[in-house]
């Protein structure tokens, strides 16, 4: 395979990943974003995106350690979905990622 073909295949793969990791509303889900669960039973549960791959987001509780995986297709403004939280809405600012968590990625 030539270098041009390799680059083209990588670009195609990157484009496919970007499409899978984009919400219905056109928001690209990225690590560090904070999303709020719109399910009324969850009492404003907020999660921080740790990483995204193949249309799945690995998240952890905003102020906790509990982790889960959610589908990017659920990240939309609906009663069973999630909404992106604006940083100005946060009482204590955006949480930082520790160097240990960065090394694990």
Protein backbone atom coordinates (compact mmCIF):
# COMPACT_ATOMS: atom_id res chain seq x y z
CA UNK A 1 0.00 0.00 0.00
CA UNK A 2 1.27 3.45 -0.79
CA UNK A 3 1.57 6.27 1.73
CA UNK A 4 -1.21 8.20 -0.04
CA UNK A 5 -3.59 5.26 0.31
CA UNK A 6 -2.74 4.88 4.02
CA UNK A 7 -3.40 8.57 4.62
CA UNK A 8 -6.69 8.40 2.73
CA UNK A 9 -7.83 5.38 4.76
CA UNK A 10 -6.91 7.15 8.01
CA UNK A 11 -8.83 10.26 6.92
CA UNK A 12 -11.88 8.13 6.06
CA UNK A 13 -11.68 6.37 9.45
CA UNK A 14 -11.36 9.72 11.25
CA UNK A 15 -14.39 11.05 9.38
CA UNK A 16 -16.44 7.94 10.26
CA UNK A 17 -15.44 8.29 13.93
CA UNK A 18 -16.40 11.98 13.90
CA UNK A 19 -19.83 11.13 12.45
CA UNK A 20 -20.40 8.40 15.06
CA UNK A 21 -19.36 10.76 17.85
CA UNK A 22 -21.65 13.62 16.76
CA UNK A 23 -25.11 14.09 18.27
CA UNK A 24 -28.39 14.62 16.37
CA UNK A 25 -27.97 18.34 17.01
CA UNK A 26 -24.52 18.36 15.41
CA UNK A 27 -22.49 18.57 18.63
CA UNK A 28 -19.20 16.68 18.50
CA UNK A 29 -18.86 14.86 21.84
CA UNK A 30 -15.36 15.41 23.24
CA UNK A 31 -13.49 14.51 26.44
CA UNK A 32 -14.00 17.04 29.23
CA UNK A 33 -17.52 18.07 28.22
CA UNK A 34 -20.20 18.00 30.91
CA UNK A 35 -23.64 16.62 30.06
CA UNK A 36 -26.79 16.67 32.18
CA UNK A 37 -29.26 13.78 32.22
CA UNK A 38 -32.73 15.12 31.36
CA UNK A 39 -34.56 12.17 32.94
CA UNK A 40 -36.56 13.77 35.79
CA UNK A 41 -35.89 10.75 38.01
CA UNK A 42 -32.14 11.46 37.92
CA UNK A 43 -32.32 14.81 39.76
CA UNK A 44 -29.98 16.79 37.47
CA UNK A 45 -27.33 14.07 37.21
CA UNK A 46 -24.27 15.46 35.47
CA UNK A 47 -21.50 13.45 33.88
CA UNK A 48 -18.07 14.30 32.49
CA UNK A 49 -16.99 12.67 29.23
CA UNK A 50 -13.70 10.80 29.70
CA UNK A 51 -13.36 9.50 26.13
CA UNK A 52 -15.50 8.77 23.08
CA UNK A 53 -15.11 6.01 20.49
CA UNK A 54 -17.43 4.32 18.00
CA UNK A 55 -20.49 6.30 19.11
CA UNK A 56 -20.03 5.41 22.79
CA UNK A 57 -19.03 7.89 25.50
CA UNK A 58 -17.29 6.71 28.66
CA UNK A 59 -18.45 9.08 31.41
CA UNK A 60 -18.03 9.53 35.13
CA UNK A 61 -20.16 11.35 37.67
CA UNK A 62 -19.39 15.08 37.71
CA UNK A 63 -18.36 15.09 41.36
CA UNK A 64 -17.68 11.43 41.95
CA UNK A 65 -15.97 8.31 40.74
CA UNK A 66 -18.85 6.23 39.39
CA UNK A 67 -18.32 5.45 35.70
CA UNK A 68 -20.67 4.31 32.95
CA UNK A 69 -20.94 4.16 29.17
CA UNK A 70 -23.68 5.91 27.24
CA UNK A 71 -24.51 5.99 23.56
CA UNK A 72 -23.90 9.26 21.73
CA UNK A 73 -27.35 8.76 20.17
CA UNK A 74 -28.87 9.41 23.65
CA UNK A 75 -27.16 12.79 23.86
CA UNK A 76 -30.01 14.97 22.64
CA UNK A 77 -32.51 17.37 24.20
CA UNK A 78 -35.37 15.04 25.07
CA UNK A 79 -36.82 13.67 28.30
CA UNK A 80 -34.75 10.50 27.92
CA UNK A 81 -31.60 12.23 26.71
CA UNK A 82 -28.77 14.48 27.82
CA UNK A 83 -27.94 18.11 27.19
CA UNK A 84 -24.55 19.79 26.99
CA UNK A 85 -23.95 21.97 30.05
CA UNK A 86 -22.53 25.44 29.48
CA UNK A 87 -19.50 26.09 31.75
CA UNK A 88 -21.14 29.29 33.04
CA UNK A 89 -23.88 27.11 34.62
CA UNK A 90 -21.39 25.31 36.86
CA UNK A 91 -21.20 26.40 40.47
CA UNK A 92 -17.56 25.40 40.98
CA UNK A 93 -16.17 25.53 37.45
CA UNK A 94 -14.98 22.81 35.16
CA UNK A 95 -13.31 19.83 36.84
CA UNK A 96 -9.75 19.14 35.78
CA UNK A 97 -8.41 15.79 34.67
CA UNK A 98 -5.59 14.50 36.85
CA UNK A 99 -2.30 13.49 35.26
CA UNK A 100 -2.99 9.86 36.29
CA UNK A 101 -6.24 9.82 34.29
CA UNK A 102 -4.50 11.38 31.29
CA UNK A 103 -1.79 8.71 31.37
CA UNK A 104 -4.43 5.93 31.33
CA UNK A 105 -5.88 7.08 28.00
